[in-house]
Amino acid sequence: MPPGDDDADPVAGYIARWRPSSVSPQAAAFARQVVPAAGPGGRERAKNLLRAAARLADYAVPLGPGPVPEVVLHPSVTGRFARCAPGLSGVARRTLRTNLRFIARRVVPQLVPADAPLPRERAKAPCSPAEIAGYLALAGAQPTLSRRMRSSGLACPGAGAGLIRADLRAAHGTDVTCRSGGVIVDVRGARPRTVPVPARYHGRLLAAAEFAGTGLICGGTDPGRRNITTPLIRSLAGGAGLPRPGHLPAARHLASRRRGPARPATAFMRAAGITCSQRLGDLLAGLEPAGEQDAVRLLGAARPS
C-alpha cells in the first residue's frame, strides 16, 4: 500500500494490516478479501466482520471448499457453521450468523435474496364495556336453563378469567372456587394456573359452575373436543349484532377497563420502555410470584364483604 493511504482510508489500512494469530493465514486472507466489499463503515465494525469471516473460513476451508466467496458465503455453509461449529456460545453463534449474513448480502447478493417483508398482526381492539354487557345479557336471555348456564360458562370465564381454547375445553364446574377473598378459576391444560375473576362475573360464574358440578362448564362430555365455541354460539338465541363471544382473551378485556388508576403491570412496562412481550417474560421469570390474595386485589376480583 503506498505511503499515506492509511491516513486517507484508515479502515482500509486496518483491514490490509489485519494478521490475527487465532486463525490460519488462508482464513485471514479470505477475510481481508471479502470484508472491504461489505463496506464496514468503521474500524470497530471492520474488526467484527473480519473475525466473523475468518472464523467461517477457518471452519469451512478444511472441509473441502476452497476460499471462494461464492462457496464459503453460501447460506448452507454459513448456516452449518453457525449451528455446528464447536466451542461457541449461543450469543457468539447468533452474532457470527448476523455478521456473516451482512457480508454475504453485499459480497454475493445473488445467493442471499432480500427477505420478503412479512405481515405483522396487531392486537385486536379490546372489547368495550357495552359488548361485555351484551354478552352477559345474551347469556341471561336464553330460553332454557341449560343454555343460560352454558353460555354464562363461556362468557364469564372468557371475559373474566381469559380462558380460551384448551382452557375452556377443560374447565369443570369444580374448578371454580371461592377463596383468597374472591372467586378463583383453576385452569388446567398446557398452562395450569389460578386466575381471579372480576367481581361483576361472580354471581353468573358461580351459578354456572354449580350447574355443571363435576362436568364441563361449557357443556359436553369430552375435554379433548376441538371446537366448543362454534356449536355453542350457533345454539344461542339472539345476539346477532354482537361479535363472536368466543374471542374474549383476558388481555383484551383488561385493556378495556381503563377507568381508574393504571394497572401496576402497565405502569411498569411504560416506565421500563418495554414493548416486546418476550422481554417482559424474561423479566417476570426471575421475579417472586405474588400470592392469590395479591392477585385478587390487583385484578379487582374481591368479593363484596
C-alpha atoms as a PDB file:
ATOM      1  CA  MET A   1       0.000   0.000   0.000  1.00  0.00           C
ATOM      2  CA  PRO A   2       1.521   3.422  -0.934  1.00  0.00           C
ATOM      3  CA  PRO A   3       2.519   5.739   1.927  1.00  0.00           C
ATOM      4  CA  GLY A   4      -0.300   7.941   3.090  1.00  0.00           C
ATOM      5  CA  ASP A   5      -3.127   5.577   2.138  1.00  0.00           C
ATOM      6  CA  ASP A   6      -3.645   4.644   5.773  1.00  0.00           C
ATOM      7  CA  ASP A   7      -4.351   8.281   6.604  1.00  0.00           C
ATOM      8  CA  ALA A   8      -6.736   8.648   3.668  1.00  0.00           C
ATOM      9  CA  ASP A   9      -8.690   5.485   4.495  1.00  0.00           C
ATOM     10  CA  PRO A  10      -7.865   4.169   7.975  1.00  0.00           C
ATOM     11  CA  VAL A  11     -10.437   1.368   7.723  1.00  0.00           C
ATOM     12  CA  ALA A  12      -8.895   0.022   4.509  1.00  0.00           C
ATOM     13  CA  GLY A  13      -5.449   0.282   6.080  1.00  0.00           C
ATOM     14  CA  TYR A  14      -6.595  -1.604   9.163  1.00  0.00           C
ATOM     15  CA  ILE A  15      -8.071  -4.381   7.018  1.00  0.00           C
ATOM     16  CA  ALA A  16      -4.916  -4.663   4.916  1.00  0.00           C
ATOM     17  CA  ARG A  17      -2.729  -4.969   8.040  1.00  0.00           C
ATOM     18  CA  TRP A  18      -5.009  -7.436   9.824  1.00  0.00           C
ATOM     19  CA  ARG A  19      -2.962 -10.556  10.622  1.00  0.00           C
ATOM     20  CA  PRO A  20      -4.557 -12.449  13.554  1.00  0.00           C
ATOM     21  CA  SER A  21      -2.782 -15.366  15.194  1.00  0.00           C
ATOM     22  CA  SER A  22      -6.030 -17.134  16.154  1.00  0.00           C
ATOM     23  CA  VAL A  23      -6.869 -18.282  12.597  1.00  0.00           C
ATOM     24  CA  SER A  24      -4.909 -19.667   9.676  1.00  0.00           C
ATOM     25  CA  PRO A  25      -3.237 -17.275   7.212  1.00  0.00           C
ATOM     26  CA  GLN A  26      -5.541 -18.603   4.485  1.00  0.00           C
ATOM     27  CA  ALA A  27      -8.640 -17.758   6.578  1.00  0.00           C
ATOM     28  CA  ALA A  28      -7.280 -14.295   7.361  1.00  0.00           C
ATOM     29  CA  ALA A  29      -6.600 -13.686   3.667  1.00  0.00           C
ATOM     30  CA  PHE A  30     -10.178 -14.666   2.851  1.00  0.00           C
ATOM     31  CA  ALA A  31     -11.493 -12.215   5.443  1.00  0.00           C
ATOM     32  CA  ARG A  32      -9.315  -9.415   4.053  1.00  0.00           C
ATOM     33  CA  GLN A  33     -10.717 -10.206   0.595  1.00  0.00           C
ATOM     34  CA  VAL A  34     -14.448 -10.093   1.389  1.00  0.00           C
ATOM     35  CA  VAL A  35     -14.771  -7.516   4.169  1.00  0.00           C
ATOM     36  CA  PRO A  36     -13.840  -4.434   2.083  1.00  0.00           C
ATOM     37  CA  ALA A  37     -16.619  -5.355  -0.362  1.00  0.00           C
ATOM     38  CA  ALA A  38     -19.086  -5.360   2.558  1.00  0.00           C
ATOM     39  CA  GLY A  39     -18.369  -1.708   3.310  1.00  0.00           C
ATOM     40  CA  PRO A  40     -17.894  -1.941   7.090  1.00  0.00           C
ATOM     41  CA  GLY A  41     -18.012   1.827   7.620  1.00  0.00           C
ATOM     42  CA  GLY A  42     -15.745   1.950  10.649  1.00  0.00           C
ATOM     43  CA  ARG A  43     -12.771   0.254  12.265  1.00  0.00           C
ATOM     44  CA  GLU A  44     -14.751  -1.493  15.028  1.00  0.00           C
ATOM     45  CA  ARG A  45     -17.284  -2.782  12.537  1.00  0.00           C
ATOM     46  CA  ALA A  46     -14.486  -3.929  10.233  1.00  0.00           C
ATOM     47  CA  LYS A  47     -12.843  -5.816  13.099  1.00  0.00           C
ATOM     48  CA  ASN A  48     -16.076  -7.669  13.904  1.00  0.00           C
ATOM     49  CA  LEU A  49     -16.668  -8.582  10.271  1.00  0.00           C
ATOM     50  CA  LEU A  50     -13.063  -9.703   9.806  1.00  0.00           C
ATOM     51  CA  ARG A  51     -13.318 -12.002  12.803  1.00  0.00           C
ATOM     52  CA  ALA A  52     -16.584 -13.497  11.586  1.00  0.00           C
ATOM     53  CA  ALA A  53     -15.322 -14.082   8.027  1.00  0.00           C
ATOM     54  CA  ALA A  54     -12.028 -15.548   9.236  1.00  0.00           C
ATOM     55  CA  ARG A  55     -13.695 -17.917  11.690  1.00  0.00           C
ATOM     56  CA  LEU A  56     -16.051 -19.076   8.956  1.00  0.00           C
ATOM     57  CA  ALA A  57     -13.181 -19.689   6.534  1.00  0.00           C
ATOM     58  CA  ASP A  58     -11.145 -21.448   9.215  1.00  0.00           C
ATOM     59  CA  TYR A  59     -14.093 -23.797   9.700  1.00  0.00           C
ATOM     60  CA  ALA A  60     -15.169 -24.269   6.084  1.00  0.00           C
ATOM     61  CA  VAL A  61     -11.949 -24.483   4.051  1.00  0.00           C
ATOM     62  CA  PRO A  62     -10.602 -27.650   5.756  1.00  0.00           C
ATOM     63  CA  LEU A  63     -13.924 -29.371   4.969  1.00  0.00           C
ATOM     64  CA  GLY A  64     -13.255 -29.167   1.234  1.00  0.00           C
ATOM     65  CA  PRO A  65     -14.438 -25.949  -0.436  1.00  0.00           C
ATOM     66  CA  GLY A  66     -11.718 -23.529  -1.405  1.00  0.00           C
ATOM     67  CA  PRO A  67     -11.634 -19.942  -0.112  1.00  0.00           C
ATOM     68  CA  VAL A  68     -14.064 -18.726  -2.776  1.00  0.00           C
ATOM     69  CA  PRO A  69     -16.712 -16.221  -1.610  1.00  0.00           C
ATOM     70  CA  GLU A  70     -19.488 -17.865  -3.665  1.00  0.00           C
ATOM     71  CA  VAL A  71     -18.768 -21.147  -1.863  1.00  0.00           C
ATOM     72  CA  VAL A  72     -17.795 -20.143   1.661  1.00  0.00           C
ATOM     73  CA  LEU A  73     -20.503 -17.489   1.984  1.00  0.00           C
ATOM     74  CA  HIS A  74     -23.233 -19.745   0.634  1.00  0.00           C
ATOM     75  CA  PRO A  75     -26.195 -19.817   3.066  1.00  0.00           C
ATOM     76  CA  SER A  76     -25.840 -23.583   3.538  1.00  0.00           C
ATOM     77  CA  VAL A  77     -22.211 -23.160   4.646  1.00  0.00           C
ATOM     78  CA  THR A  78     -22.787 -20.181   6.939  1.00  0.00           C
ATOM     79  CA  GLY A  79     -25.855 -21.888   8.403  1.00  0.00           C
ATOM     80  CA  ARG A  80     -23.941 -25.072   9.151  1.00  0.00           C
ATOM     81  CA  PHE A  81     -21.115 -23.048  10.680  1.00  0.00           C
ATOM     82  CA  ALA A  82     -23.462 -21.078  12.937  1.00  0.00           C
ATOM     83  CA  ARG A  83     -25.168 -24.267  14.083  1.00  0.00           C
ATOM     84  CA  CYS A  84     -22.359 -26.824  14.250  1.00  0.00           C
ATOM     85  CA  ALA A  85     -19.037 -25.020  14.814  1.00  0.00           C
ATOM     86  CA  PRO A  86     -17.591 -26.247  18.127  1.00  0.00           C
ATOM     87  CA  GLY A  87     -16.623 -24.057  21.058  1.00  0.00           C
ATOM     88  CA  LEU A  88     -19.124 -21.244  20.515  1.00  0.00           C
ATOM     89  CA  SER A  89     -21.640 -19.902  22.987  1.00  0.00           C
ATOM     90  CA  GLY A  90     -25.211 -19.202  21.962  1.00  0.00           C
ATOM     91  CA  VAL A  91     -24.593 -15.473  21.907  1.00  0.00           C
ATOM     92  CA  ALA A  92     -21.465 -15.910  19.763  1.00  0.00           C
ATOM     93  CA  ARG A  93     -23.332 -18.094  17.269  1.00  0.00           C
ATOM     94  CA  ARG A  94     -26.092 -15.531  16.825  1.00  0.00           C
ATOM     95  CA  THR A  95     -23.625 -12.657  16.478  1.00  0.00           C
ATOM     96  CA  LEU A  96     -21.469 -14.502  13.957  1.00  0.00           C
ATOM     97  CA  ARG A  97     -24.502 -15.517  11.909  1.00  0.00           C
ATOM     98  CA  THR A  98     -25.728 -11.921  11.803  1.00  0.00           C
ATOM     99  CA  ASN A  99     -22.343 -10.598  10.698  1.00  0.00           C
ATOM    100  CA  LEU A 100     -21.919 -13.307   8.072  1.00  0.00           C
ATOM    101  CA  ARG A 101     -25.346 -12.601   6.616  1.00  0.00           C
ATOM    102  CA  PHE A 102     -24.386  -8.931   6.447  1.00  0.00           C
ATOM    103  CA  ILE A 103     -21.235  -9.788   4.493  1.00  0.00           C
ATOM    104  CA  ALA A 104     -22.997 -12.243   2.188  1.00  0.00           C
ATOM    105  CA  ARG A 105     -25.765  -9.805   1.273  1.00  0.00           C
ATOM    106  CA  ARG A 106     -23.132  -7.397  -0.024  1.00  0.00           C
ATOM    107  CA  VAL A 107     -20.477  -9.739  -1.435  1.00  0.00           C
ATOM    108  CA  VAL A 108     -22.647 -12.456  -3.005  1.00  0.00           C
ATOM    109  CA  PRO A 109     -26.136 -10.894  -3.149  1.00  0.00           C
ATOM    110  CA  GLN A 110     -27.249 -13.401  -5.781  1.00  0.00           C
ATOM    111  CA  LEU A 111     -27.018 -16.137  -3.133  1.00  0.00           C
ATOM    112  CA  VAL A 112     -28.844 -14.221  -0.396  1.00  0.00           C
ATOM    113  CA  PRO A 113     -32.044 -12.704  -1.750  1.00  0.00           C
ATOM    114  CA  ALA A 114     -33.610  -9.951   0.289  1.00  0.00           C
ATOM    115  CA  ASP A 115     -36.015 -11.128   2.959  1.00  0.00           C
ATOM    116  CA  ALA A 116     -39.620 -10.656   1.937  1.00  0.00           C
ATOM    117  CA  PRO A 117     -41.455  -8.478   4.453  1.00  0.00           C
ATOM    118  CA  LEU A 118     -43.935 -10.480   6.489  1.00  0.00           C
ATOM    119  CA  PRO A 119     -47.205  -9.021   7.697  1.00  0.00           C
ATOM    120  CA  ARG A 120     -47.428  -8.363  11.403  1.00  0.00           C
ATOM    121  CA  GLU A 121     -50.768  -8.700  13.067  1.00  0.00           C
ATOM    122  CA  ARG A 122     -51.631  -6.171  15.713  1.00  0.00           C
ATOM    123  CA  ALA A 123     -53.741  -6.858  18.759  1.00  0.00           C
ATOM    124  CA  LYS A 124     -57.443  -6.667  18.135  1.00  0.00           C
ATOM    125  CA  ALA A 125     -59.357  -3.771  19.626  1.00  0.00           C
ATOM    126  CA  PRO A 126     -60.377  -4.526  23.230  1.00  0.00           C
ATOM    127  CA  CYS A 127     -63.943  -5.451  23.984  1.00  0.00           C
ATOM    128  CA  SER A 128     -65.954  -2.444  25.027  1.00  0.00           C
ATOM    129  CA  PRO A 129     -67.998  -2.410  28.259  1.00  0.00           C
ATOM    130  CA  ALA A 130     -71.130  -2.341  26.097  1.00  0.00           C
ATOM    131  CA  GLU A 131     -70.056  -5.508  24.259  1.00  0.00           C
ATOM    132  CA  ILE A 132     -69.319  -7.275  27.538  1.00  0.00           C
ATOM    133  CA  ALA A 133     -72.732  -6.229  28.849  1.00  0.00           C
ATOM    134  CA  GLY A 134     -74.263  -7.537  25.617  1.00  0.00           C
ATOM    135  CA  TYR A 135     -72.646 -10.946  26.052  1.00  0.00           C
ATOM    136  CA  LEU A 136     -73.930 -11.227  29.613  1.00  0.00           C
ATOM    137  CA  ALA A 137     -77.418 -10.071  28.620  1.00  0.00           C
ATOM    138  CA  LEU A 138     -77.457 -12.601  25.770  1.00  0.00           C
ATOM    139  CA  ALA A 139     -76.499 -15.374  28.184  1.00  0.00           C
ATOM    140  CA  GLY A 140     -79.261 -14.380  30.608  1.00  0.00           C
ATOM    141  CA  ALA A 141     -81.907 -14.214  27.868  1.00  0.00           C
ATOM    142  CA  GLN A 142     -81.594 -17.812  26.677  1.00  0.00           C
ATOM    143  CA  PRO A 143     -84.891 -19.734  26.749  1.00  0.00           C
ATOM    144  CA  THR A 144     -83.677 -22.760  28.741  1.00  0.00           C
ATOM    145  CA  LEU A 145     -81.703 -23.123  31.957  1.00  0.00           C
ATOM    146  CA  SER A 146     -79.033 -25.308  30.361  1.00  0.00           C
ATOM    147  CA  ARG A 147     -78.405 -22.768  27.588  1.00  0.00           C
ATOM    148  CA  ARG A 148     -78.220 -19.928  30.108  1.00  0.00           C
ATOM    149  CA  MET A 149     -75.702 -21.821  32.211  1.00  0.00           C
ATOM    150  CA  ARG A 150     -73.537 -22.984  29.292  1.00  0.00           C
ATOM    151  CA  SER A 151     -73.473 -19.558  27.663  1.00  0.00           C
ATOM    152  CA  SER A 152     -72.573 -17.988  31.017  1.00  0.00           C
ATOM    153  CA  GLY A 153     -69.905 -20.672  31.339  1.00  0.00           C
ATOM    154  CA  LEU A 154     -68.455 -19.409  28.045  1.00  0.00           C
ATOM    155  CA  ALA A 155     -68.796 -15.652  28.516  1.00  0.00           C
ATOM    156  CA  CYS A 156     -67.769 -15.324  32.177  1.00  0.00           C
ATOM    157  CA  PRO A 157     -64.554 -17.403  32.117  1.00  0.00           C
ATOM    158  CA  GLY A 158     -63.667 -15.928  28.711  1.00  0.00           C
ATOM    159  CA  ALA A 159     -64.184 -12.273  29.585  1.00  0.00           C
ATOM    160  CA  GLY A 160     -63.416 -12.517  33.293  1.00  0.00           C
ATOM    161  CA  ALA A 161     -60.629 -15.075  33.543  1.00  0.00           C
ATOM    162  CA  GLY A 162     -59.237 -15.058  29.996  1.00  0.00           C
ATOM    163  CA  LEU A 163     -59.896 -18.725  29.309  1.00  0.00           C
ATOM    164  CA  ILE A 164     -59.612 -19.590  25.612  1.00  0.00           C
ATOM    165  CA  ARG A 165     -59.479 -22.747  23.505  1.00  0.00           C
ATOM    166  CA  ALA A 166     -57.921 -25.558  25.580  1.00  0.00           C
ATOM    167  CA  ASP A 167     -58.584 -23.663  28.820  1.00  0.00           C
ATOM    168  CA  LEU A 168     -62.320 -23.600  28.122  1.00  0.00           C
ATOM    169  CA  ARG A 169     -62.380 -27.176  26.866  1.00  0.00           C
ATOM    170  CA  ALA A 170     -61.006 -28.484  30.162  1.00  0.00           C
ATOM    171  CA  ALA A 171     -62.884 -26.187  32.568  1.00  0.00           C
ATOM    172  CA  HIS A 172     -65.055 -28.104  35.029  1.00  0.00           C
ATOM    173  CA  GLY A 173     -67.578 -26.661  37.438  1.00  0.00           C
ATOM    174  CA  THR A 174     -65.418 -27.801  40.349  1.00  0.00           C
ATOM    175  CA  ASP A 175     -62.535 -25.697  39.018  1.00  0.00           C
ATOM    176  CA  VAL A 176     -64.381 -22.546  40.147  1.00  0.00           C
ATOM    177  CA  THR A 177     -63.917 -21.936  43.878  1.00  0.00           C
ATOM    178  CA  CYS A 178     -64.312 -19.143  46.409  1.00  0.00           C
ATOM    179  CA  ARG A 179     -61.055 -18.489  48.226  1.00  0.00           C
ATOM    180  CA  SER A 180     -58.485 -15.785  48.993  1.00  0.00           C
ATOM    181  CA  GLY A 181     -61.292 -13.256  49.264  1.00  0.00           C
ATOM    182  CA  GLY A 182     -62.536 -13.734  45.694  1.00  0.00           C
ATOM    183  CA  VAL A 183     -63.614 -16.220  43.045  1.00  0.00           C
ATOM    184  CA  ILE A 184     -60.787 -18.277  41.529  1.00  0.00           C
ATOM    185  CA  VAL A 185     -60.661 -20.439  38.410  1.00  0.00           C
ATOM    186  CA  ASP A 186     -58.109 -23.262  38.488  1.00  0.00           C
ATOM    187  CA  VAL A 187     -57.050 -23.552  34.847  1.00  0.00           C
ATOM    188  CA  ARG A 188     -55.919 -26.962  33.626  1.00  0.00           C
ATOM    189  CA  GLY A 189     -54.176 -27.946  30.412  1.00  0.00           C
ATOM    190  CA  ALA A 190     -50.808 -26.916  28.995  1.00  0.00           C
ATOM    191  CA  ARG A 191     -50.599 -23.735  31.104  1.00  0.00           C
ATOM    192  CA  PRO A 192     -52.051 -24.625  34.505  1.00  0.00           C
ATOM    193  CA  ARG A 193     -52.619 -21.564  36.660  1.00  0.00           C
ATOM    194  CA  THR A 194     -55.076 -19.905  39.015  1.00  0.00           C
ATOM    195  CA  VAL A 195     -56.933 -16.848  37.739  1.00  0.00           C
ATOM    196  CA  PRO A 196     -59.061 -14.463  39.834  1.00  0.00           C
ATOM    197  CA  VAL A 197     -62.354 -13.430  38.243  1.00  0.00           C
ATOM    198  CA  PRO A 198     -63.500  -9.772  38.429  1.00  0.00           C
ATOM    199  CA  ALA A 199     -66.369  -9.162  40.805  1.00  0.00           C
ATOM    200  CA  ARG A 200     -69.006  -8.414  38.137  1.00  0.00           C
ATOM    201  CA  TYR A 201     -68.886 -12.037  36.946  1.00  0.00           C
ATOM    202  CA  HIS A 202     -69.030 -13.753  40.320  1.00  0.00           C
ATOM    203  CA  GLY A 203     -72.749 -14.454  40.509  1.00  0.00           C
ATOM    204  CA  ARG A 204     -73.176 -15.779  36.986  1.00  0.00           C
ATOM    205  CA  LEU A 205     -69.980 -17.828  37.035  1.00  0.00           C
ATOM    206  CA  LEU A 206     -70.728 -19.422  40.399  1.00  0.00           C
ATOM    207  CA  ALA A 207     -74.223 -20.326  39.194  1.00  0.00           C
ATOM    208  CA  ALA A 208     -72.832 -21.873  36.000  1.00  0.00           C
ATOM    209  CA  ALA A 209     -70.202 -23.791  37.975  1.00  0.00           C
ATOM    210  CA  GLU A 210     -72.791 -25.128  40.402  1.00  0.00           C
ATOM    211  CA  PHE A 211     -74.996 -26.200  37.493  1.00  0.00           C
ATOM    212  CA  ALA A 212     -72.068 -28.017  35.823  1.00  0.00           C
ATOM    213  CA  GLY A 213     -70.868 -29.672  39.031  1.00  0.00           C
ATOM    214  CA  THR A 214     -68.150 -32.156  38.156  1.00  0.00           C
ATOM    215  CA  GLY A 215     -68.975 -31.817  34.456  1.00  0.00           C
ATOM    216  CA  LEU A 216     -67.583 -29.430  31.872  1.00  0.00           C
ATOM    217  CA  ILE A 217     -68.743 -25.881  32.427  1.00  0.00           C
ATOM    218  CA  CYS A 218     -69.389 -25.222  28.708  1.00  0.00           C
ATOM    219  CA  GLY A 219     -71.234 -28.498  28.247  1.00  0.00           C
ATOM    220  CA  GLY A 220     -70.293 -31.720  26.508  1.00  0.00           C
ATOM    221  CA  THR A 221     -68.533 -34.758  27.910  1.00  0.00           C
ATOM    222  CA  ASP A 222     -65.171 -34.883  26.097  1.00  0.00           C
ATOM    223  CA  PRO A 223     -62.495 -32.390  27.255  1.00  0.00           C
ATOM    224  CA  GLY A 224     -60.455 -33.263  24.138  1.00  0.00           C
ATOM    225  CA  ARG A 225     -63.082 -31.934  21.735  1.00  0.00           C
ATOM    226  CA  ARG A 226     -61.554 -29.469  19.299  1.00  0.00           C
ATOM    227  CA  ASN A 227     -64.271 -26.863  18.953  1.00  0.00           C
ATOM    228  CA  ILE A 228     -66.686 -25.912  21.680  1.00  0.00           C
ATOM    229  CA  THR A 229     -67.456 -22.289  20.882  1.00  0.00           C
ATOM    230  CA  THR A 230     -68.974 -22.622  17.399  1.00  0.00           C
ATOM    231  CA  PRO A 231     -71.668 -25.216  18.268  1.00  0.00           C
ATOM    232  CA  LEU A 232     -72.475 -23.378  21.483  1.00  0.00           C
ATOM    233  CA  ILE A 233     -72.711 -19.991  19.762  1.00  0.00           C
ATOM    234  CA  ARG A 234     -74.813 -21.490  16.962  1.00  0.00           C
ATOM    235  CA  SER A 235     -77.326 -22.767  19.501  1.00  0.00           C
ATOM    236  CA  LEU A 236     -77.805 -19.374  21.186  1.00  0.00           C
ATOM    237  CA  ALA A 237     -80.986 -17.428  20.589  1.00  0.00           C
ATOM    238  CA  GLY A 238     -80.466 -13.781  19.605  1.00  0.00           C
ATOM    239  CA  GLY A 239     -77.319 -11.662  19.795  1.00  0.00           C
ATOM    240  CA  ALA A 240     -76.963 -11.184  16.036  1.00  0.00           C
ATOM    241  CA  GLY A 241     -75.362  -7.758  16.450  1.00  0.00           C
ATOM    242  CA  LEU A 242     -72.534  -8.931  18.743  1.00  0.00           C
ATOM    243  CA  PRO A 243     -69.074 -10.100  17.680  1.00  0.00           C
ATOM    244  CA  ARG A 244     -68.241 -13.752  18.270  1.00  0.00           C
ATOM    245  CA  PRO A 245     -68.194 -14.202  22.054  1.00  0.00           C
ATOM    246  CA  GLY A 246     -65.509 -16.860  21.780  1.00  0.00           C
ATOM    247  CA  HIS A 247     -62.865 -14.158  21.245  1.00  0.00           C
ATOM    248  CA  LEU A 248     -62.570 -12.858  24.801  1.00  0.00           C
ATOM    249  CA  PRO A 249     -58.948 -13.152  25.969  1.00  0.00           C
ATOM    250  CA  ALA A 250     -58.284 -11.535  29.325  1.00  0.00           C
ATOM    251  CA  ALA A 251     -55.700  -9.089  27.979  1.00  0.00           C
ATOM    252  CA  ARG A 252     -58.266  -7.514  25.683  1.00  0.00           C
ATOM    253  CA  HIS A 253     -60.875  -7.344  28.402  1.00  0.00           C
ATOM    254  CA  LEU A 254     -58.498  -5.875  30.966  1.00  0.00           C
ATOM    255  CA  ALA A 255     -57.319  -3.368  28.361  1.00  0.00           C
ATOM    256  CA  SER A 256     -60.918  -2.197  28.033  1.00  0.00           C
ATOM    257  CA  ARG A 257     -61.108  -1.401  31.759  1.00  0.00           C
ATOM    258  CA  ARG A 258     -59.309   1.926  31.521  1.00  0.00           C
ATOM    259  CA  ARG A 259     -61.265   3.800  34.115  1.00  0.00           C
ATOM    260  CA  GLY A 260     -59.449   4.367  37.396  1.00  0.00           C
ATOM    261  CA  PRO A 261     -55.707   4.034  38.114  1.00  0.00           C
ATOM    262  CA  ALA A 262     -53.431   2.222  35.692  1.00  0.00           C
ATOM    263  CA  ARG A 263     -52.628  -1.400  36.434  1.00  0.00           C
ATOM    264  CA  PRO A 264     -49.154  -1.946  38.011  1.00  0.00           C
ATOM    265  CA  ALA A 265     -48.017  -4.009  35.003  1.00  0.00           C
ATOM    266  CA  THR A 266     -48.997  -1.198  32.639  1.00  0.00           C
ATOM    267  CA  ALA A 267     -47.116   1.393  34.689  1.00  0.00           C
ATOM    268  CA  PHE A 268     -44.067  -0.881  34.920  1.00  0.00           C
ATOM    269  CA  MET A 269     -43.966  -1.554  31.176  1.00  0.00           C
ATOM    270  CA  ARG A 270     -44.299   2.115  30.323  1.00  0.00           C
ATOM    271  CA  ALA A 271     -41.581   3.145  32.786  1.00  0.00           C
ATOM    272  CA  ALA A 272     -39.213   0.432  31.509  1.00  0.00           C
ATOM    273  CA  GLY A 273     -39.954   1.132  27.839  1.00  0.00           C
ATOM    274  CA  ILE A 274     -40.984  -2.492  27.265  1.00  0.00           C
ATOM    275  CA  THR A 275     -42.947  -3.119  24.082  1.00  0.00           C
ATOM    276  CA  CYS A 276     -41.983  -6.752  23.433  1.00  0.00           C
ATOM    277  CA  SER A 277     -43.760  -9.496  25.385  1.00  0.00           C
ATOM    278  CA  GLN A 278     -40.653 -11.706  25.233  1.00  0.00           C
ATOM    279  CA  ARG A 279     -38.638  -9.118  27.170  1.00  0.00           C
ATOM    280  CA  LEU A 280     -41.383  -8.863  29.743  1.00  0.00           C
ATOM    281  CA  GLY A 281     -41.482 -12.658  30.038  1.00  0.00           C
ATOM    282  CA  ASP A 282     -37.724 -12.819  30.577  1.00  0.00           C
ATOM    283  CA  LEU A 283     -38.027 -10.297  33.410  1.00  0.00           C
ATOM    284  CA  LEU A 284     -41.055 -11.905  35.017  1.00  0.00           C
ATOM    285  CA  ALA A 285     -39.370 -15.311  35.021  1.00  0.00           C
ATOM    286  CA  GLY A 286     -36.925 -14.057  37.653  1.00  0.00           C
ATOM    287  CA  LEU A 287     -39.479 -12.402  39.924  1.00  0.00           C
ATOM    288  CA  GLU A 288     -41.034 -13.908  43.005  1.00  0.00           C
ATOM    289  CA  PRO A 289     -44.627 -14.845  42.152  1.00  0.00           C
ATOM    290  CA  ALA A 290     -47.350 -12.973  44.028  1.00  0.00           C
ATOM    291  CA  GLY A 291     -49.933 -14.853  46.062  1.00  0.00           C
ATOM    292  CA  GLU A 292     -53.592 -15.337  45.269  1.00  0.00           C
ATOM    293  CA  GLN A 293     -54.698 -12.610  47.649  1.00  0.00           C
ATOM    294  CA  ASP A 294     -52.490 -10.056  45.879  1.00  0.00           C
ATOM    295  CA  ALA A 295     -53.841 -11.151  42.504  1.00  0.00           C
ATOM    296  CA  VAL A 296     -57.432 -10.893  43.719  1.00  0.00           C
ATOM    297  CA  ARG A 297     -56.815  -7.368  44.996  1.00  0.00           C
ATOM    298  CA  LEU A 298     -54.908  -6.128  41.925  1.00  0.00           C
ATOM    299  CA  LEU A 299     -57.406  -7.519  39.416  1.00  0.00           C
ATOM    300  CA  GLY A 300     -60.493  -6.188  41.175  1.00  0.00           C
ATOM    301  CA  ALA A 301     -61.766  -9.661  41.956  1.00  0.00           C
ATOM    302  CA  ALA A 302     -62.572  -9.298  45.659  1.00  0.00           C
ATOM    303  CA  ARG A 303     -65.987 -10.442  46.783  1.00  0.00           C
ATOM    304  CA  PRO A 304     -68.215  -7.851  48.489  1.00  0.00           C
ATOM    305  CA  SER A 305     -67.939  -8.190  52.245  1.00  0.00           C
END
